[in-house]
PDB file of N, CA and C in Angstrom:
ATOM      1  N   MET A   1     -91.298 -40.505 -47.712  1.00  0.00           N
ATOM      2  CA  MET A   1     -90.729 -40.305 -48.412  1.00  0.00           C
ATOM      3  C   MET A   1     -90.849 -39.437 -50.331  1.00  0.00           C
ATOM      4  N   LYS A   2     -90.362 -38.745 -50.834  1.00  0.00           N
ATOM      5  CA  LYS A   2     -91.391 -38.321 -51.956  1.00  0.00           C
ATOM      6  C   LYS A   2     -89.907 -37.317 -52.881  1.00  0.00           C
ATOM      7  N   ILE A   3     -89.719 -38.315 -54.268  1.00  0.00           N
ATOM      8  CA  ILE A   3     -88.292 -37.267 -54.577  1.00  0.00           C
ATOM      9  C   ILE A   3     -89.073 -36.306 -55.576  1.00  0.00           C
ATOM     10  N   GLU A   4     -88.597 -35.332 -55.953  1.00  0.00           N
ATOM     11  CA  GLU A   4     -88.746 -34.221 -56.942  1.00  0.00           C
ATOM     12  C   GLU A   4     -88.095 -33.755 -57.548  1.00  0.00           C
ATOM     13  N   ASN A   5     -88.213 -33.324 -58.546  1.00  0.00           N
ATOM     14  CA  ASN A   5     -86.932 -33.054 -59.880  1.00  0.00           C
ATOM     15  C   ASN A   5     -87.420 -31.869 -60.163  1.00  0.00           C
ATOM     16  N   HIS A   6     -86.187 -31.127 -61.016  1.00  0.00           N
ATOM     17  CA  HIS A   6     -86.571 -30.139 -61.716  1.00  0.00           C
ATOM     18  C   HIS A   6     -86.170 -30.004 -63.306  1.00  0.00           C
ATOM     19  N   ILE A   7     -86.916 -31.607 -63.549  1.00  0.00           N
ATOM     20  CA  ILE A   7     -86.587 -31.310 -64.985  1.00  0.00           C
ATOM     21  C   ILE A   7     -87.415 -30.483 -66.443  1.00  0.00           C
ATOM     22  N   LYS A   8     -88.721 -30.021 -65.646  1.00  0.00           N
ATOM     23  CA  LYS A   8     -89.798 -29.146 -66.478  1.00  0.00           C
ATOM     24  C   LYS A   8     -88.920 -28.299 -66.807  1.00  0.00           C
ATOM     25  N   ASP A   9     -88.367 -27.299 -65.211  1.00  0.00           N
ATOM     26  CA  ASP A   9     -87.690 -26.123 -65.417  1.00  0.00           C
ATOM     27  C   ASP A   9     -86.492 -26.194 -66.329  1.00  0.00           C
ATOM     28  N   LEU A  10     -85.799 -27.000 -66.331  1.00  0.00           N
ATOM     29  CA  LEU A  10     -84.587 -26.795 -66.923  1.00  0.00           C
ATOM     30  C   LEU A  10     -84.896 -27.260 -68.150  1.00  0.00           C
ATOM     31  N   ARG A  11     -86.301 -28.176 -68.554  1.00  0.00           N
ATOM     32  CA  ARG A  11     -86.505 -28.361 -70.253  1.00  0.00           C
ATOM     33  C   ARG A  11     -86.984 -26.894 -70.448  1.00  0.00           C
ATOM     34  N   ILE A  12     -87.613 -26.677 -69.928  1.00  0.00           N
ATOM     35  CA  ILE A  12     -88.538 -24.566 -70.425  1.00  0.00           C
ATOM     36  C   ILE A  12     -87.190 -23.959 -70.313  1.00  0.00           C
ATOM     37  N   GLU A  13     -86.285 -24.114 -69.776  1.00  0.00           N
ATOM     38  CA  GLU A  13     -84.846 -22.868 -69.313  1.00  0.00           C
ATOM     39  C   GLU A  13     -84.401 -23.309 -70.878  1.00  0.00           C
ATOM     40  N   LYS A  14     -83.970 -24.563 -71.344  1.00  0.00           N
ATOM     41  CA  LYS A  14     -83.307 -24.473 -72.670  1.00  0.00           C
ATOM     42  C   LYS A  14     -84.164 -24.626 -73.847  1.00  0.00           C
ATOM     43  N   GLY A  15     -85.293 -23.933 -73.386  1.00  0.00           N
ATOM     44  CA  GLY A  15     -86.245 -23.966 -74.822  1.00  0.00           C
ATOM     45  C   GLY A  15     -86.578 -25.753 -75.451  1.00  0.00           C
ATOM     46  N   TRP A  16     -86.177 -26.358 -75.117  1.00  0.00           N
ATOM     47  CA  TRP A  16     -87.074 -28.089 -75.707  1.00  0.00           C
ATOM     48  C   TRP A  16     -88.400 -28.167 -75.290  1.00  0.00           C
ATOM     49  N   THR A  17     -88.937 -28.847 -76.115  1.00  0.00           N
ATOM     50  CA  THR A  17     -90.318 -29.777 -76.292  1.00  0.00           C
ATOM     51  C   THR A  17     -90.014 -30.852 -75.342  1.00  0.00           C
ATOM     52  N   GLN A  18     -91.015 -31.693 -74.671  1.00  0.00           N
ATOM     53  CA  GLN A  18     -91.079 -32.811 -74.143  1.00  0.00           C
ATOM     54  C   GLN A  18     -90.067 -34.084 -75.253  1.00  0.00           C
ATOM     55  N   GLU A  19     -90.883 -33.795 -76.765  1.00  0.00           N
ATOM     56  CA  GLU A  19     -90.505 -34.492 -77.571  1.00  0.00           C
ATOM     57  C   GLU A  19     -89.069 -34.443 -77.533  1.00  0.00           C
ATOM     58  N   GLU A  20     -88.523 -33.562 -77.794  1.00  0.00           N
ATOM     59  CA  GLU A  20     -87.004 -33.236 -77.734  1.00  0.00           C
ATOM     60  C   GLU A  20     -86.463 -33.903 -76.801  1.00  0.00           C
ATOM     61  N   LEU A  21     -86.393 -33.506 -75.848  1.00  0.00           N
ATOM     62  CA  LEU A  21     -86.061 -34.406 -74.358  1.00  0.00           C
ATOM     63  C   LEU A  21     -85.972 -35.369 -74.097  1.00  0.00           C
ATOM     64  N   ALA A  22     -87.214 -36.146 -74.502  1.00  0.00           N
ATOM     65  CA  ALA A  22     -87.303 -37.772 -74.959  1.00  0.00           C
ATOM     66  C   ALA A  22     -86.520 -38.502 -75.843  1.00  0.00           C
ATOM     67  N   ARG A  23     -86.402 -37.391 -77.039  1.00  0.00           N
ATOM     68  CA  ARG A  23     -85.573 -38.235 -77.943  1.00  0.00           C
ATOM     69  C   ARG A  23     -83.663 -38.096 -77.550  1.00  0.00           C
ATOM     70  N   GLN A  24     -83.679 -37.207 -77.175  1.00  0.00           N
ATOM     71  CA  GLN A  24     -82.331 -37.269 -76.034  1.00  0.00           C
ATOM     72  C   GLN A  24     -81.777 -38.225 -75.042  1.00  0.00           C
ATOM     73  N   VAL A  25     -83.120 -38.445 -74.349  1.00  0.00           N
ATOM     74  CA  VAL A  25     -82.749 -40.051 -73.194  1.00  0.00           C
ATOM     75  C   VAL A  25     -83.233 -40.933 -73.616  1.00  0.00           C
ATOM     76  N   GLY A  26     -84.068 -41.242 -74.978  1.00  0.00           N
ATOM     77  CA  GLY A  26     -84.217 -42.495 -75.397  1.00  0.00           C
ATOM     78  C   GLY A  26     -85.574 -43.073 -74.479  1.00  0.00           C
ATOM     79  N   VAL A  27     -86.707 -42.209 -74.254  1.00  0.00           N
ATOM     80  CA  VAL A  27     -88.085 -42.167 -74.112  1.00  0.00           C
ATOM     81  C   VAL A  27     -88.594 -42.105 -74.549  1.00  0.00           C
ATOM     82  N   SER A  28     -90.046 -42.001 -74.422  1.00  0.00           N
ATOM     83  CA  SER A  28     -91.398 -41.619 -74.935  1.00  0.00           C
ATOM     84  C   SER A  28     -91.590 -40.534 -73.930  1.00  0.00           C
ATOM     85  N   ARG A  29     -92.436 -39.495 -75.079  1.00  0.00           N
ATOM     86  CA  ARG A  29     -92.679 -37.964 -74.731  1.00  0.00           C
ATOM     87  C   ARG A  29     -93.347 -38.627 -72.818  1.00  0.00           C
ATOM     88  N   GLN A  30     -94.270 -39.459 -73.588  1.00  0.00           N
ATOM     89  CA  GLN A  30     -95.575 -39.726 -72.393  1.00  0.00           C
ATOM     90  C   GLN A  30     -94.392 -39.631 -71.058  1.00  0.00           C
ATOM     91  N   SER A  31     -93.087 -40.819 -71.097  1.00  0.00           N
ATOM     92  CA  SER A  31     -92.284 -40.726 -69.906  1.00  0.00           C
ATOM     93  C   SER A  31     -91.934 -39.470 -69.401  1.00  0.00           C
ATOM     94  N   ILE A  32     -91.820 -38.462 -70.577  1.00  0.00           N
ATOM     95  CA  ILE A  32     -91.281 -37.374 -69.684  1.00  0.00           C
ATOM     96  C   ILE A  32     -92.521 -36.533 -69.102  1.00  0.00           C
ATOM     97  N   ASN A  33     -93.440 -36.687 -69.713  1.00  0.00           N
ATOM     98  CA  ASN A  33     -94.681 -36.387 -68.820  1.00  0.00           C
ATOM     99  C   ASN A  33     -95.024 -36.832 -67.527  1.00  0.00           C
ATOM    100  N   SER A  34     -94.741 -37.736 -67.171  1.00  0.00           N
ATOM    101  CA  SER A  34     -95.110 -38.685 -66.220  1.00  0.00           C
ATOM    102  C   SER A  34     -93.772 -38.373 -65.092  1.00  0.00           C
ATOM    103  N   ILE A  35     -92.444 -38.261 -65.876  1.00  0.00           N
ATOM    104  CA  ILE A  35     -91.216 -37.758 -64.665  1.00  0.00           C
ATOM    105  C   ILE A  35     -91.488 -36.208 -64.338  1.00  0.00           C
ATOM    106  N   GLU A  36     -92.022 -35.365 -65.269  1.00  0.00           N
ATOM    107  CA  GLU A  36     -92.108 -33.795 -65.128  1.00  0.00           C
ATOM    108  C   GLU A  36     -93.473 -33.414 -63.908  1.00  0.00           C
ATOM    109  N   ARG A  37     -94.181 -34.719 -63.755  1.00  0.00           N
ATOM    110  CA  ARG A  37     -95.142 -34.377 -63.032  1.00  0.00           C
ATOM    111  C   ARG A  37     -95.163 -35.141 -61.476  1.00  0.00           C
ATOM    112  N   ASN A  38     -94.240 -36.303 -61.701  1.00  0.00           N
ATOM    113  CA  ASN A  38     -93.529 -36.877 -60.625  1.00  0.00           C
ATOM    114  C   ASN A  38     -94.629 -37.725 -60.222  1.00  0.00           C
ATOM    115  N   LYS A  39     -94.874 -38.387 -61.260  1.00  0.00           N
ATOM    116  CA  LYS A  39     -95.887 -39.830 -61.563  1.00  0.00           C
ATOM    117  C   LYS A  39     -95.020 -40.899 -61.541  1.00  0.00           C
ATOM    118  N   TYR A  40     -93.836 -40.921 -61.941  1.00  0.00           N
ATOM    119  CA  TYR A  40     -93.088 -41.806 -62.095  1.00  0.00           C
ATOM    120  C   TYR A  40     -91.355 -41.395 -61.716  1.00  0.00           C
ATOM    121  N   ILE A  41     -90.822 -42.342 -60.862  1.00  0.00           N
ATOM    122  CA  ILE A  41     -89.217 -41.881 -60.565  1.00  0.00           C
ATOM    123  C   ILE A  41     -88.320 -42.742 -62.149  1.00  0.00           C
ATOM    124  N   PRO A  42     -87.591 -41.899 -62.394  1.00  0.00           N
ATOM    125  CA  PRO A  42     -86.810 -42.602 -63.244  1.00  0.00           C
ATOM    126  C   PRO A  42     -85.844 -43.637 -62.587  1.00  0.00           C
ATOM    127  N   SER A  43     -85.228 -44.822 -63.372  1.00  0.00           N
ATOM    128  CA  SER A  43     -84.227 -45.718 -63.259  1.00  0.00           C
ATOM    129  C   SER A  43     -82.797 -44.680 -62.876  1.00  0.00           C
ATOM    130  N   LEU A  44     -82.200 -45.363 -61.729  1.00  0.00           N
ATOM    131  CA  LEU A  44     -80.863 -44.691 -61.857  1.00  0.00           C
ATOM    132  C   LEU A  44     -79.700 -44.185 -62.875  1.00  0.00           C
ATOM    133  N   PRO A  45     -79.558 -45.083 -64.030  1.00  0.00           N
ATOM    134  CA  PRO A  45     -79.468 -44.766 -65.457  1.00  0.00           C
ATOM    135  C   PRO A  45     -80.018 -43.512 -66.137  1.00  0.00           C
ATOM    136  N   LEU A  46     -81.344 -43.849 -66.157  1.00  0.00           N
ATOM    137  CA  LEU A  46     -81.983 -42.460 -66.798  1.00  0.00           C
ATOM    138  C   LEU A  46     -81.590 -41.321 -65.983  1.00  0.00           C
ATOM    139  N   ALA A  47     -82.178 -41.005 -65.391  1.00  0.00           N
ATOM    140  CA  ALA A  47     -81.585 -39.942 -64.004  1.00  0.00           C
ATOM    141  C   ALA A  47     -79.892 -39.292 -64.456  1.00  0.00           C
ATOM    142  N   LEU A  48     -78.847 -40.393 -64.441  1.00  0.00           N
ATOM    143  CA  LEU A  48     -77.664 -39.915 -64.810  1.00  0.00           C
ATOM    144  C   LEU A  48     -77.666 -39.050 -66.046  1.00  0.00           C
ATOM    145  N   LYS A  49     -77.898 -40.217 -67.281  1.00  0.00           N
ATOM    146  CA  LYS A  49     -78.603 -39.300 -68.611  1.00  0.00           C
ATOM    147  C   LYS A  49     -79.208 -37.981 -68.179  1.00  0.00           C
ATOM    148  N   PHE A  50     -79.970 -37.723 -67.507  1.00  0.00           N
ATOM    149  CA  PHE A  50     -80.623 -35.958 -67.406  1.00  0.00           C
ATOM    150  C   PHE A  50     -79.833 -35.605 -66.858  1.00  0.00           C
ATOM    151  N   ALA A  51     -78.806 -35.812 -65.878  1.00  0.00           N
ATOM    152  CA  ALA A  51     -78.177 -34.667 -65.214  1.00  0.00           C
ATOM    153  C   ALA A  51     -77.268 -34.652 -66.495  1.00  0.00           C
ATOM    154  N   GLN A  52     -76.871 -35.315 -66.733  1.00  0.00           N
ATOM    155  CA  GLN A  52     -75.941 -35.462 -68.013  1.00  0.00           C
ATOM    156  C   GLN A  52     -76.173 -34.338 -68.923  1.00  0.00           C
ATOM    157  N   ILE A  53     -76.843 -34.551 -69.595  1.00  0.00           N
ATOM    158  CA  ILE A  53     -77.916 -33.829 -70.947  1.00  0.00           C
ATOM    159  C   ILE A  53     -78.158 -32.280 -69.860  1.00  0.00           C
ATOM    160  N   PHE A  54     -78.720 -31.966 -69.102  1.00  0.00           N
ATOM    161  CA  PHE A  54     -78.453 -30.391 -68.519  1.00  0.00           C
ATOM    162  C   PHE A  54     -77.354 -30.437 -67.847  1.00  0.00           C
ATOM    163  N   GLU A  55     -76.270 -31.299 -67.756  1.00  0.00           N
ATOM    164  CA  GLU A  55     -74.952 -30.518 -67.030  1.00  0.00           C
ATOM    165  C   GLU A  55     -74.983 -29.823 -65.785  1.00  0.00           C
ATOM    166  N   ILE A  56     -75.520 -30.892 -64.880  1.00  0.00           N
ATOM    167  CA  ILE A  56     -76.035 -30.828 -63.897  1.00  0.00           C
ATOM    168  C   ILE A  56     -75.723 -31.808 -62.922  1.00  0.00           C
ATOM    169  N   ASN A  57     -75.179 -31.637 -61.457  1.00  0.00           N
ATOM    170  CA  ASN A  57     -75.437 -33.207 -60.770  1.00  0.00           C
ATOM    171  C   ASN A  57     -77.161 -33.851 -60.273  1.00  0.00           C
ATOM    172  N   VAL A  58     -76.795 -34.798 -60.290  1.00  0.00           N
ATOM    173  CA  VAL A  58     -77.906 -35.713 -59.922  1.00  0.00           C
ATOM    174  C   VAL A  58     -78.723 -35.250 -58.691  1.00  0.00           C
ATOM    175  N   GLU A  59     -77.560 -34.664 -57.858  1.00  0.00           N
ATOM    176  CA  GLU A  59     -78.696 -34.393 -56.263  1.00  0.00           C
ATOM    177  C   GLU A  59     -79.340 -32.768 -56.568  1.00  0.00           C
ATOM    178  N   THR A  60     -78.890 -32.156 -57.317  1.00  0.00           N
ATOM    179  CA  THR A  60     -79.412 -31.052 -57.851  1.00  0.00           C
ATOM    180  C   THR A  60     -80.879 -30.981 -58.584  1.00  0.00           C
ATOM    181  N   LEU A  61     -80.490 -31.807 -59.462  1.00  0.00           N
ATOM    182  CA  LEU A  61     -81.376 -32.328 -60.766  1.00  0.00           C
ATOM    183  C   LEU A  61     -82.947 -33.124 -59.775  1.00  0.00           C
ATOM    184  N   PHE A  62     -82.891 -34.501 -58.569  1.00  0.00           N
ATOM    185  CA  PHE A  62     -83.793 -34.803 -57.900  1.00  0.00           C
ATOM    186  C   PHE A  62     -83.215 -34.453 -56.463  1.00  0.00           C
ATOM    187  N   GLN A  63     -84.141 -33.942 -56.035  1.00  0.00           N
ATOM    188  CA  GLN A  63     -83.997 -34.055 -54.407  1.00  0.00           C
ATOM    189  C   GLN A  63     -84.943 -35.073 -53.296  1.00  0.00           C
ATOM    190  N   LEU A  64     -84.977 -35.596 -52.671  1.00  0.00           N
ATOM    191  CA  LEU A  64     -85.491 -36.400 -51.894  1.00  0.00           C
ATOM    192  C   LEU A  64     -86.432 -35.464 -50.192  1.00  0.00           C
ATOM    193  N   ASN A  65     -87.519 -35.713 -50.210  1.00  0.00           N
ATOM    194  CA  ASN A  65     -88.451 -34.669 -49.476  1.00  0.00           C
ATOM    195  C   ASN A  65     -88.693 -35.903 -48.542  1.00  0.00           C
ATOM    196  N   ASP A  66     -88.645 -35.318 -47.316  1.00  0.00           N
ATOM    197  CA  ASP A  66     -89.415 -36.154 -46.085  1.00  0.00           C
ATOM    198  C   ASP A  66     -90.862 -36.096 -46.087  1.00  0.00           C
TER     199      ASP A  66
END
């Protein structure tokens, strides 16, 4: 199983840098980079924070692929 996300697409759509998004969710820019490249799966609280910031549900932001 693999978890994919749409964080990079949504961030770019909003015109935000990785640094700006990192500040909003309280992590480092490097963490945002790793999450966008699917190298790191965020914790549930962080996933919920992303969903809140992008104003979408978690299931739309993160998808489980077999």
